[in-house]
Amino acid sequence: MVRKPRHLSPEERELWQKATAKDDRLHPVRVDPVEAIATPASKPAKPVKVQHPQFHVGQTAKHHARPHDVAPAIADQVARHPVQMDRKTFGKMKKGRLAPEARIDLHGMTIAEAHPELTSFIMRAVTRNFRLVLVITGKGKKKDEGGPIPVRHGVLRHQVPHWLNTMPLKTHVLQISEAHLKHGGGGAYYVYLRRRKG
């Protein structure tokens, strides 16, 4: 048996209208924050014009330094390092007028061999109260072997200043400078040590 829908009486209708006249929503209408912010229409970005050098068939390409061709950068870094020692003594040292009290030749060693050798050499020099020592690294091979992976030439020349500026040697080293020509020039470093305390 299907039940017929019941219609509201006039009293019920009046009561319903009074109840819904002052209704408050349980969940107010939510405004999308993206739509709430009026964003001006953005102009499409202009494509960046890249200037490519002109190249003609048969022209020889200019040689650009490969990542391993950075020998001058290390020398520049050492040269730019502020002078920590007495300037007069520093001037004499740079001109090769100070004789190193000890020297070590790392030339031909691998990194694994050279690092501990340098560390023990500097520590011995400190215990003997030496002030100026010479570290010979060699300039490294400038010839590119032509392999698929570029190999940095003068690896020791690059590594020695880094090792001297890290612990445990950092606390004993006052100044690093490229040696004068008579002591090896670009293939050696003067290392001026701090005066030993006590």
N, C-alpha and C. Protein backbone atom coordinates (compact mmCIF):
# COMPACT_ATOMS: atom_id res chain seq x y z
N MET A 1 0.84 -1.17 0.00
CA MET A 1 0.00 0.00 0.00
C MET A 1 0.89 1.24 0.00
N VAL A 2 0.72 2.10 -1.01
CA VAL A 2 1.52 3.30 -1.16
C VAL A 2 0.88 4.42 -0.36
N ARG A 3 1.72 5.06 0.45
CA ARG A 3 1.22 6.13 1.30
C ARG A 3 1.26 7.44 0.55
N LYS A 4 0.20 8.23 0.60
CA LYS A 4 0.13 9.50 -0.09
C LYS A 4 0.93 10.53 0.71
N PRO A 5 1.63 11.44 -0.03
CA PRO A 5 2.38 12.46 0.70
C PRO A 5 1.44 13.41 1.44
N ARG A 6 1.83 13.75 2.66
CA ARG A 6 1.02 14.64 3.48
C ARG A 6 1.41 16.07 3.19
N HIS A 7 0.45 16.96 3.01
CA HIS A 7 0.71 18.38 2.79
C HIS A 7 0.66 19.12 4.10
N LEU A 8 1.46 20.20 4.17
CA LEU A 8 1.48 20.99 5.41
C LEU A 8 0.20 21.79 5.55
N SER A 9 -0.20 21.89 6.78
CA SER A 9 -1.39 22.71 7.07
C SER A 9 -0.97 24.17 7.06
N PRO A 10 -1.89 25.12 6.97
CA PRO A 10 -1.53 26.55 6.97
C PRO A 10 -0.77 26.95 8.23
N GLU A 11 -1.09 26.38 9.39
CA GLU A 11 -0.37 26.70 10.63
C GLU A 11 1.08 26.19 10.57
N GLU A 12 1.21 24.98 10.05
CA GLU A 12 2.56 24.40 9.93
C GLU A 12 3.42 25.20 8.95
N ARG A 13 2.82 25.67 7.87
CA ARG A 13 3.53 26.46 6.88
C ARG A 13 4.01 27.78 7.49
N GLU A 14 3.13 28.43 8.25
CA GLU A 14 3.46 29.70 8.91
C GLU A 14 4.60 29.49 9.90
N LEU A 15 4.54 28.43 10.66
CA LEU A 15 5.59 28.11 11.64
C LEU A 15 6.92 27.84 10.93
N TRP A 16 6.90 27.16 9.82
CA TRP A 16 8.12 26.85 9.04
C TRP A 16 8.75 28.13 8.48
N GLN A 17 7.91 29.06 7.99
CA GLN A 17 8.42 30.32 7.47
C GLN A 17 9.07 31.16 8.57
N LYS A 18 8.47 31.15 9.79
CA LYS A 18 9.06 31.88 10.91
C LYS A 18 10.40 31.26 11.31
N ALA A 19 10.47 29.95 11.28
CA ALA A 19 11.71 29.25 11.69
C ALA A 19 12.84 29.49 10.69
N THR A 20 12.51 29.53 9.42
CA THR A 20 13.56 29.70 8.42
C THR A 20 13.86 31.16 8.09
N ALA A 21 13.07 32.09 8.61
CA ALA A 21 13.30 33.51 8.32
C ALA A 21 14.61 33.99 8.93
N LYS A 22 15.00 33.50 10.09
CA LYS A 22 16.24 33.92 10.77
C LYS A 22 17.20 32.75 10.91
N ASP A 23 17.38 32.04 9.86
CA ASP A 23 18.29 30.88 9.95
C ASP A 23 19.74 31.32 9.80
N ASP A 24 20.66 30.69 10.52
CA ASP A 24 22.11 30.86 10.38
C ASP A 24 22.67 29.53 9.91
N ARG A 25 23.50 29.63 8.88
CA ARG A 25 24.10 28.40 8.35
C ARG A 25 25.09 27.83 9.35
N LEU A 26 25.07 26.52 9.46
CA LEU A 26 26.07 25.87 10.31
C LEU A 26 27.44 26.00 9.68
N HIS A 27 27.52 25.91 8.38
CA HIS A 27 28.78 26.05 7.64
C HIS A 27 28.62 27.19 6.66
N PRO A 28 29.20 28.37 6.98
CA PRO A 28 29.07 29.49 6.03
C PRO A 28 29.73 29.15 4.71
N VAL A 29 29.30 29.85 3.69
CA VAL A 29 29.84 29.61 2.35
C VAL A 29 31.32 29.94 2.36
N ARG A 30 32.12 29.01 1.96
CA ARG A 30 33.57 29.21 1.95
C ARG A 30 34.00 29.84 0.64
N VAL A 31 34.87 30.87 0.78
CA VAL A 31 35.36 31.56 -0.41
C VAL A 31 36.73 30.97 -0.75
N ASP A 32 36.91 30.59 -1.98
CA ASP A 32 38.20 30.07 -2.42
C ASP A 32 39.24 31.19 -2.35
N PRO A 33 40.33 31.01 -1.54
CA PRO A 33 41.32 32.10 -1.40
C PRO A 33 41.94 32.53 -2.72
N VAL A 34 42.04 31.60 -3.66
CA VAL A 34 42.62 31.96 -4.96
C VAL A 34 41.69 32.91 -5.70
N GLU A 35 40.37 32.62 -5.62
CA GLU A 35 39.41 33.47 -6.30
C GLU A 35 39.24 34.80 -5.60
N ALA A 36 39.45 34.82 -4.25
CA ALA A 36 39.27 36.04 -3.48
C ALA A 36 40.30 37.11 -3.84
N ILE A 37 41.49 36.68 -4.21
CA ILE A 37 42.55 37.63 -4.57
C ILE A 37 42.45 37.91 -6.06
N ALA A 38 42.18 39.13 -6.34
CA ALA A 38 42.07 39.50 -7.76
C ALA A 38 43.47 39.69 -8.31
N THR A 39 43.90 38.80 -9.14
CA THR A 39 45.24 38.89 -9.71
C THR A 39 45.16 39.51 -11.09
N PRO A 40 46.01 40.52 -11.31
CA PRO A 40 46.01 41.12 -12.65
C PRO A 40 46.57 40.13 -13.66
N ALA A 41 46.09 40.24 -14.84
CA ALA A 41 46.55 39.34 -15.90
C ALA A 41 48.04 39.59 -16.15
N SER A 42 48.86 38.54 -15.95
CA SER A 42 50.31 38.70 -16.11
C SER A 42 50.68 38.62 -17.58
N LYS A 43 51.68 39.45 -17.92
CA LYS A 43 52.15 39.46 -19.31
C LYS A 43 53.04 38.24 -19.53
N PRO A 44 52.96 37.63 -20.68
CA PRO A 44 53.85 36.49 -20.92
C PRO A 44 55.30 36.94 -20.93
N ALA A 45 56.16 36.12 -20.31
CA ALA A 45 57.59 36.45 -20.22
C ALA A 45 58.21 36.48 -21.60
N LYS A 46 59.08 37.50 -21.79
CA LYS A 46 59.76 37.61 -23.08
C LYS A 46 60.87 36.57 -23.15
N PRO A 47 61.03 35.92 -24.27
CA PRO A 47 62.12 34.94 -24.37
C PRO A 47 63.48 35.63 -24.28
N VAL A 48 64.40 34.99 -23.55
CA VAL A 48 65.74 35.54 -23.38
C VAL A 48 66.55 35.30 -24.64
N LYS A 49 67.15 36.38 -25.12
CA LYS A 49 67.97 36.25 -26.32
C LYS A 49 69.40 35.90 -25.92
N VAL A 50 69.89 34.82 -26.44
CA VAL A 50 71.26 34.38 -26.15
C VAL A 50 72.13 34.72 -27.34
N GLN A 51 73.22 35.42 -27.05
CA GLN A 51 74.14 35.80 -28.11
C GLN A 51 75.13 34.66 -28.35
N HIS A 52 75.10 34.08 -29.50
CA HIS A 52 76.03 33.02 -29.85
C HIS A 52 77.12 33.61 -30.75
N PRO A 53 78.37 33.27 -30.48
CA PRO A 53 79.43 33.81 -31.33
C PRO A 53 79.30 33.28 -32.76
N GLN A 54 79.68 34.12 -33.69
CA GLN A 54 79.63 33.73 -35.10
C GLN A 54 80.73 32.71 -35.37
N PHE A 55 80.39 31.68 -36.11
CA PHE A 55 81.36 30.64 -36.43
C PHE A 55 81.20 30.29 -37.90
N HIS A 56 82.30 30.24 -38.60
CA HIS A 56 82.27 29.94 -40.02
C HIS A 56 82.96 28.61 -40.30
N VAL A 57 82.52 27.95 -41.34
CA VAL A 57 83.12 26.68 -41.72
C VAL A 57 84.60 26.89 -42.01
N GLY A 58 85.44 26.06 -41.42
CA GLY A 58 86.88 26.15 -41.62
C GLY A 58 87.59 26.98 -40.57
N GLN A 59 86.81 27.67 -39.71
CA GLN A 59 87.40 28.50 -38.66
C GLN A 59 87.84 27.61 -37.50
N THR A 60 88.96 27.95 -36.88
CA THR A 60 89.46 27.20 -35.73
C THR A 60 88.77 27.70 -34.47
N ALA A 61 88.25 26.77 -33.69
CA ALA A 61 87.56 27.15 -32.45
C ALA A 61 88.57 27.63 -31.43
N LYS A 62 88.14 28.63 -30.63
CA LYS A 62 89.01 29.14 -29.57
C LYS A 62 89.06 28.14 -28.44
N HIS A 63 90.24 28.01 -27.84
CA HIS A 63 90.41 27.08 -26.72
C HIS A 63 89.91 27.73 -25.44
N HIS A 64 88.99 27.05 -24.77
CA HIS A 64 88.52 27.52 -23.47
C HIS A 64 89.11 26.60 -22.41
N ALA A 65 89.45 27.18 -21.26
CA ALA A 65 90.08 26.40 -20.19
C ALA A 65 89.16 25.28 -19.74
N ARG A 66 89.72 24.08 -19.66
CA ARG A 66 88.98 22.95 -19.15
C ARG A 66 89.05 22.98 -17.63
N PRO A 67 88.16 22.23 -16.91
CA PRO A 67 88.14 22.30 -15.46
C PRO A 67 89.47 22.05 -14.78
N HIS A 68 90.36 21.24 -15.42
CA HIS A 68 91.63 20.93 -14.76
C HIS A 68 92.70 21.99 -15.02
N ASP A 69 92.42 22.96 -15.90
CA ASP A 69 93.40 23.99 -16.20
C ASP A 69 93.25 25.16 -15.23
N VAL A 70 93.45 24.91 -13.95
CA VAL A 70 93.22 25.95 -12.96
C VAL A 70 94.44 26.23 -12.11
N ALA A 71 95.63 25.93 -12.62
CA ALA A 71 96.85 26.16 -11.84
C ALA A 71 96.99 27.61 -11.40
N PRO A 72 96.73 28.61 -12.27
CA PRO A 72 96.87 29.99 -11.83
C PRO A 72 95.92 30.35 -10.70
N ALA A 73 94.73 29.71 -10.64
CA ALA A 73 93.76 30.05 -9.61
C ALA A 73 94.32 29.78 -8.22
N ILE A 74 95.03 28.67 -8.03
CA ILE A 74 95.58 28.35 -6.72
C ILE A 74 96.66 29.35 -6.35
N ALA A 75 97.54 29.68 -7.29
CA ALA A 75 98.59 30.66 -7.03
C ALA A 75 97.97 32.01 -6.66
N ASP A 76 96.87 32.37 -7.33
CA ASP A 76 96.19 33.63 -7.02
C ASP A 76 95.60 33.61 -5.63
N GLN A 77 95.01 32.47 -5.24
CA GLN A 77 94.43 32.35 -3.90
C GLN A 77 95.50 32.52 -2.84
N VAL A 78 96.64 31.88 -3.04
CA VAL A 78 97.73 31.97 -2.07
C VAL A 78 98.25 33.41 -2.01
N ALA A 79 98.37 34.05 -3.19
CA ALA A 79 98.87 35.42 -3.26
C ALA A 79 97.90 36.40 -2.61
N ARG A 80 96.60 36.13 -2.73
CA ARG A 80 95.59 37.05 -2.17
C ARG A 80 95.43 36.89 -0.66
N HIS A 81 95.95 35.81 -0.11
CA HIS A 81 95.81 35.58 1.33
C HIS A 81 96.48 36.72 2.09
N PRO A 82 95.79 37.34 3.06
CA PRO A 82 96.38 38.48 3.75
C PRO A 82 97.67 38.11 4.48
N VAL A 83 98.57 39.07 4.54
CA VAL A 83 99.86 38.84 5.20
C VAL A 83 99.64 38.82 6.71
N GLN A 84 99.96 37.68 7.32
CA GLN A 84 99.78 37.50 8.76
C GLN A 84 101.08 37.74 9.53
N MET A 85 102.19 37.66 8.84
CA MET A 85 103.49 37.76 9.49
C MET A 85 104.05 39.18 9.36
N ASP A 86 105.20 39.42 9.94
CA ASP A 86 105.88 40.70 9.83
C ASP A 86 106.14 41.01 8.35
N ARG A 87 105.70 42.21 7.92
CA ARG A 87 105.78 42.55 6.49
C ARG A 87 107.22 42.62 5.98
N LYS A 88 108.12 43.07 6.80
CA LYS A 88 109.52 43.16 6.38
C LYS A 88 110.08 41.76 6.14
N THR A 89 109.80 40.86 7.08
CA THR A 89 110.24 39.47 6.94
C THR A 89 109.55 38.82 5.74
N PHE A 90 108.27 39.14 5.54
CA PHE A 90 107.53 38.60 4.40
C PHE A 90 108.17 39.05 3.09
N GLY A 91 108.57 40.32 3.02
CA GLY A 91 109.23 40.84 1.81
C GLY A 91 110.52 40.11 1.51
N LYS A 92 111.31 39.87 2.56
CA LYS A 92 112.58 39.13 2.40
C LYS A 92 112.31 37.71 1.92
N MET A 93 111.29 37.10 2.51
CA MET A 93 110.95 35.72 2.14
C MET A 93 110.55 35.65 0.67
N LYS A 94 109.67 36.56 0.23
CA LYS A 94 109.20 36.56 -1.16
C LYS A 94 110.34 36.78 -2.16
N LYS A 95 111.37 37.52 -1.74
CA LYS A 95 112.51 37.80 -2.62
C LYS A 95 113.56 36.70 -2.55
N GLY A 96 113.30 35.66 -1.76
CA GLY A 96 114.22 34.54 -1.66
C GLY A 96 115.43 34.82 -0.79
N ARG A 97 115.34 35.84 0.05
CA ARG A 97 116.49 36.21 0.89
C ARG A 97 116.53 35.45 2.22
N LEU A 98 115.47 34.73 2.53
CA LEU A 98 115.46 33.91 3.74
C LEU A 98 115.70 32.45 3.33
N ALA A 99 116.61 31.81 4.03
CA ALA A 99 116.91 30.41 3.71
C ALA A 99 115.97 29.50 4.49
N PRO A 100 115.24 28.60 3.80
CA PRO A 100 114.39 27.65 4.53
C PRO A 100 115.24 26.77 5.44
N GLU A 101 114.72 26.51 6.64
CA GLU A 101 115.44 25.70 7.62
C GLU A 101 115.27 24.21 7.36
N ALA A 102 114.25 23.85 6.59
CA ALA A 102 114.03 22.45 6.22
C ALA A 102 113.22 22.43 4.94
N ARG A 103 113.32 21.33 4.21
CA ARG A 103 112.55 21.20 2.97
C ARG A 103 112.04 19.78 2.83
N ILE A 104 110.92 19.65 2.12
CA ILE A 104 110.38 18.34 1.79
C ILE A 104 110.01 18.36 0.32
N ASP A 105 110.34 17.28 -0.37
CA ASP A 105 110.04 17.16 -1.79
C ASP A 105 108.93 16.13 -1.98
N LEU A 106 107.73 16.61 -2.27
CA LEU A 106 106.57 15.73 -2.47
C LEU A 106 106.40 15.37 -3.94
N HIS A 107 107.26 15.93 -4.77
CA HIS A 107 107.17 15.75 -6.22
C HIS A 107 107.18 14.26 -6.57
N GLY A 108 106.19 13.83 -7.35
CA GLY A 108 106.13 12.43 -7.78
C GLY A 108 105.32 11.54 -6.86
N MET A 109 104.92 12.03 -5.68
CA MET A 109 104.13 11.22 -4.75
C MET A 109 102.66 11.29 -5.12
N THR A 110 101.93 10.28 -4.69
CA THR A 110 100.47 10.30 -4.85
C THR A 110 99.89 11.11 -3.69
N ILE A 111 98.62 11.45 -3.78
CA ILE A 111 97.96 12.20 -2.70
C ILE A 111 98.00 11.39 -1.41
N ALA A 112 97.76 10.09 -1.52
CA ALA A 112 97.75 9.21 -0.34
C ALA A 112 99.12 9.17 0.34
N GLU A 113 100.19 9.29 -0.43
CA GLU A 113 101.54 9.28 0.14
C GLU A 113 101.92 10.68 0.66
N ALA A 114 101.55 11.71 -0.11
CA ALA A 114 102.02 13.06 0.19
C ALA A 114 101.38 13.66 1.45
N HIS A 115 100.10 13.42 1.66
CA HIS A 115 99.42 14.05 2.80
C HIS A 115 100.04 13.68 4.14
N PRO A 116 100.21 12.38 4.45
CA PRO A 116 100.84 12.04 5.74
C PRO A 116 102.29 12.51 5.83
N GLU A 117 103.01 12.50 4.69
CA GLU A 117 104.40 12.97 4.69
C GLU A 117 104.47 14.45 5.05
N LEU A 118 103.57 15.25 4.45
CA LEU A 118 103.55 16.68 4.73
C LEU A 118 103.19 16.93 6.19
N THR A 119 102.19 16.22 6.69
CA THR A 119 101.75 16.40 8.08
C THR A 119 102.89 16.11 9.05
N SER A 120 103.57 14.98 8.87
CA SER A 120 104.66 14.63 9.80
C SER A 120 105.83 15.59 9.65
N PHE A 121 106.10 16.07 8.43
CA PHE A 121 107.19 17.02 8.19
C PHE A 121 106.92 18.34 8.95
N ILE A 122 105.70 18.87 8.82
CA ILE A 122 105.36 20.13 9.50
C ILE A 122 105.40 19.95 11.02
N MET A 123 104.90 18.84 11.52
CA MET A 123 104.89 18.60 12.97
C MET A 123 106.32 18.48 13.51
N ARG A 124 107.21 17.85 12.75
CA ARG A 124 108.62 17.77 13.17
C ARG A 124 109.25 19.16 13.18
N ALA A 125 108.93 19.97 12.16
CA ALA A 125 109.48 21.33 12.09
C ALA A 125 109.01 22.16 13.27
N VAL A 126 107.76 21.97 13.68
CA VAL A 126 107.22 22.70 14.84
C VAL A 126 107.96 22.31 16.11
N THR A 127 108.20 21.01 16.30
CA THR A 127 108.90 20.56 17.52
C THR A 127 110.35 21.04 17.55
N ARG A 128 110.93 21.31 16.37
CA ARG A 128 112.32 21.78 16.30
C ARG A 128 112.40 23.31 16.26
N ASN A 129 111.24 23.99 16.43
CA ASN A 129 111.16 25.45 16.46
C ASN A 129 111.61 26.11 15.15
N PHE A 130 111.41 25.44 14.01
CA PHE A 130 111.71 26.05 12.72
C PHE A 130 110.62 27.07 12.41
N ARG A 131 110.99 28.13 11.70
CA ARG A 131 110.02 29.15 11.30
C ARG A 131 109.70 29.07 9.82
N LEU A 132 110.72 28.83 8.96
CA LEU A 132 110.48 28.80 7.53
C LEU A 132 110.89 27.46 6.94
N VAL A 133 109.93 26.80 6.30
CA VAL A 133 110.22 25.53 5.63
C VAL A 133 109.75 25.63 4.19
N LEU A 134 110.31 24.78 3.35
CA LEU A 134 109.99 24.77 1.92
C LEU A 134 109.31 23.45 1.57
N VAL A 135 108.15 23.55 0.92
CA VAL A 135 107.41 22.37 0.48
C VAL A 135 107.43 22.36 -1.05
N ILE A 136 108.12 21.37 -1.62
CA ILE A 136 108.22 21.26 -3.08
C ILE A 136 107.13 20.32 -3.58
N THR A 137 106.30 20.83 -4.48
CA THR A 137 105.19 20.04 -5.02
C THR A 137 105.40 19.69 -6.48
N GLY A 138 106.21 20.48 -7.18
CA GLY A 138 106.31 20.35 -8.63
C GLY A 138 105.13 21.08 -9.26
N LYS A 139 105.28 21.44 -10.51
CA LYS A 139 104.21 22.19 -11.19
C LYS A 139 103.16 21.27 -11.78
N GLY A 140 103.48 20.01 -11.91
CA GLY A 140 102.54 19.08 -12.50
C GLY A 140 102.65 19.05 -14.02
N LYS A 141 102.13 17.99 -14.60
CA LYS A 141 102.17 17.85 -16.06
C LYS A 141 101.14 18.77 -16.69
N LYS A 142 101.57 19.50 -17.69
CA LYS A 142 100.64 20.37 -18.41
C LYS A 142 100.09 19.67 -19.64
N LYS A 143 100.62 18.50 -19.94
CA LYS A 143 100.19 17.77 -21.14
C LYS A 143 98.89 17.04 -20.84
N ASP A 144 97.91 17.22 -21.72
CA ASP A 144 96.64 16.51 -21.60
C ASP A 144 96.81 15.14 -22.24
N GLU A 145 96.51 14.10 -21.47
CA GLU A 145 96.66 12.73 -21.98
C GLU A 145 95.59 12.39 -23.01
N GLY A 146 94.55 13.22 -23.12
CA GLY A 146 93.52 12.98 -24.13
C GLY A 146 92.49 11.96 -23.73
N GLY A 147 92.45 11.58 -22.46
CA GLY A 147 91.47 10.61 -22.00
C GLY A 147 90.07 11.21 -21.92
N PRO A 148 89.05 10.37 -21.74
CA PRO A 148 87.68 10.87 -21.69
C PRO A 148 87.39 11.72 -20.46
N ILE A 149 88.12 11.47 -19.37
CA ILE A 149 87.91 12.22 -18.13
C ILE A 149 89.08 13.18 -17.94
N PRO A 150 88.79 14.50 -17.84
CA PRO A 150 89.90 15.44 -17.65
C PRO A 150 90.59 15.20 -16.31
N VAL A 151 91.90 15.24 -16.32
CA VAL A 151 92.69 15.03 -15.12
C VAL A 151 93.37 16.33 -14.77
N ARG A 152 93.17 16.79 -13.53
CA ARG A 152 93.78 18.04 -13.09
C ARG A 152 95.28 17.86 -13.00
N HIS A 153 96.03 18.75 -13.63
CA HIS A 153 97.48 18.67 -13.52
C HIS A 153 97.91 19.44 -12.28
N GLY A 154 99.03 19.05 -11.72
CA GLY A 154 99.51 19.70 -10.51
C GLY A 154 98.62 19.45 -9.31
N VAL A 155 98.21 18.19 -9.13
CA VAL A 155 97.29 17.86 -8.03
C VAL A 155 97.88 18.25 -6.68
N LEU A 156 99.16 17.93 -6.45
CA LEU A 156 99.78 18.26 -5.17
C LEU A 156 99.88 19.78 -4.98
N ARG A 157 100.14 20.47 -6.07
CA ARG A 157 100.23 21.93 -6.00
C ARG A 157 98.91 22.53 -5.54
N HIS A 158 97.80 21.88 -5.90
CA HIS A 158 96.49 22.35 -5.47
C HIS A 158 96.15 21.89 -4.06
N GLN A 159 96.58 20.70 -3.72
CA GLN A 159 96.19 20.12 -2.44
C GLN A 159 96.98 20.67 -1.25
N VAL A 160 98.26 20.95 -1.45
CA VAL A 160 99.12 21.36 -0.32
C VAL A 160 98.57 22.59 0.41
N PRO A 161 98.18 23.70 -0.27
CA PRO A 161 97.62 24.83 0.47
C PRO A 161 96.36 24.45 1.25
N HIS A 162 95.55 23.57 0.67
CA HIS A 162 94.34 23.11 1.37
C HIS A 162 94.71 22.34 2.63
N TRP A 163 95.66 21.43 2.53
CA TRP A 163 96.08 20.66 3.71
C TRP A 163 96.67 21.56 4.79
N LEU A 164 97.43 22.55 4.36
CA LEU A 164 98.05 23.46 5.33
C LEU A 164 97.03 24.35 6.03
N ASN A 165 95.86 24.51 5.42
CA ASN A 165 94.80 25.34 6.01
C ASN A 165 93.74 24.53 6.73
N THR A 166 94.00 23.23 6.94
CA THR A 166 93.07 22.40 7.69
C THR A 166 93.81 21.78 8.87
N MET A 167 93.03 21.30 9.82
CA MET A 167 93.63 20.69 11.02
C MET A 167 94.33 19.39 10.64
N PRO A 168 95.43 19.03 11.31
CA PRO A 168 96.03 19.67 12.49
C PRO A 168 97.07 20.74 12.14
N LEU A 169 97.35 20.98 10.86
CA LEU A 169 98.44 21.89 10.48
C LEU A 169 98.05 23.36 10.60
N LYS A 170 96.78 23.66 10.47
CA LYS A 170 96.29 25.04 10.45
C LYS A 170 96.76 25.85 11.67
N THR A 171 96.78 25.23 12.82
CA THR A 171 97.15 25.95 14.05
C THR A 171 98.64 26.32 14.09
N HIS A 172 99.45 25.66 13.27
CA HIS A 172 100.90 25.92 13.29
C HIS A 172 101.37 26.80 12.14
N VAL A 173 100.54 26.94 11.09
CA VAL A 173 100.94 27.69 9.89
C VAL A 173 100.50 29.14 10.00
N LEU A 174 101.46 30.05 9.85
CA LEU A 174 101.16 31.48 9.89
C LEU A 174 100.96 32.03 8.48
N GLN A 175 101.79 31.59 7.53
CA GLN A 175 101.73 32.15 6.17
C GLN A 175 102.15 31.10 5.15
N ILE A 176 101.48 31.12 4.01
CA ILE A 176 101.86 30.28 2.86
C ILE A 176 102.10 31.22 1.70
N SER A 177 103.19 30.99 0.99
CA SER A 177 103.51 31.85 -0.15
C SER A 177 104.22 31.03 -1.21
N GLU A 178 103.99 31.41 -2.46
CA GLU A 178 104.71 30.74 -3.55
C GLU A 178 106.20 31.06 -3.40
N ALA A 179 107.03 30.07 -3.61
CA ALA A 179 108.48 30.23 -3.42
C ALA A 179 109.09 31.11 -4.50
N HIS A 180 110.24 31.70 -4.15
CA HIS A 180 111.02 32.47 -5.12
C HIS A 180 111.60 31.49 -6.15
N LEU A 181 111.93 32.01 -7.33
CA LEU A 181 112.48 31.15 -8.40
C LEU A 181 113.66 30.32 -7.96
N LYS A 182 114.53 30.90 -7.13
CA LYS A 182 115.72 30.12 -6.72
C LYS A 182 115.38 28.98 -5.77
N HIS A 183 114.16 28.97 -5.23
CA HIS A 183 113.71 27.87 -4.36
C HIS A 183 112.62 27.03 -5.01
N GLY A 184 112.38 27.22 -6.30
CA GLY A 184 111.41 26.36 -6.99
C GLY A 184 110.26 27.10 -7.65
N GLY A 185 110.10 28.39 -7.37
CA GLY A 185 109.05 29.19 -8.01
C GLY A 185 107.66 28.60 -7.84
N GLY A 186 106.94 28.49 -8.95
CA GLY A 186 105.57 27.98 -8.92
C GLY A 186 105.44 26.53 -8.54
N GLY A 187 106.54 25.81 -8.41
CA GLY A 187 106.48 24.40 -8.04
C GLY A 187 106.79 24.15 -6.58
N ALA A 188 106.80 25.23 -5.76
CA ALA A 188 107.12 25.08 -4.33
C ALA A 188 106.43 26.18 -3.53
N TYR A 189 106.27 25.92 -2.25
CA TYR A 189 105.67 26.89 -1.33
C TYR A 189 106.58 27.14 -0.14
N TYR A 190 106.65 28.42 0.26
CA TYR A 190 107.23 28.74 1.56
C TYR A 190 106.11 28.57 2.58
N VAL A 191 106.44 27.92 3.68
CA VAL A 191 105.48 27.79 4.78
C VAL A 191 106.14 28.41 6.01
N TYR A 192 105.58 29.51 6.46
CA TYR A 192 106.14 30.22 7.62
C TYR A 192 105.31 29.80 8.84
N LEU A 193 105.98 29.21 9.81
CA LEU A 193 105.29 28.63 10.97
C LEU A 193 105.20 29.62 12.13
N ARG A 194 104.17 29.43 12.94
CA ARG A 194 104.00 30.27 14.12
C ARG A 194 105.08 29.94 15.14
N ARG A 195 105.39 30.95 15.94
CA ARG A 195 106.35 30.72 17.02
C ARG A 195 105.74 29.77 18.03
N ARG A 196 106.50 28.80 18.44
CA ARG A 196 105.99 27.80 19.38
C ARG A 196 105.81 28.40 20.74
N LYS A 197 104.66 28.16 21.37
CA LYS A 197 104.39 28.71 22.70
C LYS A 197 105.04 27.83 23.75
N GLY A 198 105.56 28.48 24.78
CA GLY A 198 106.17 27.76 25.90
C GLY A 198 107.51 27.37 25.55
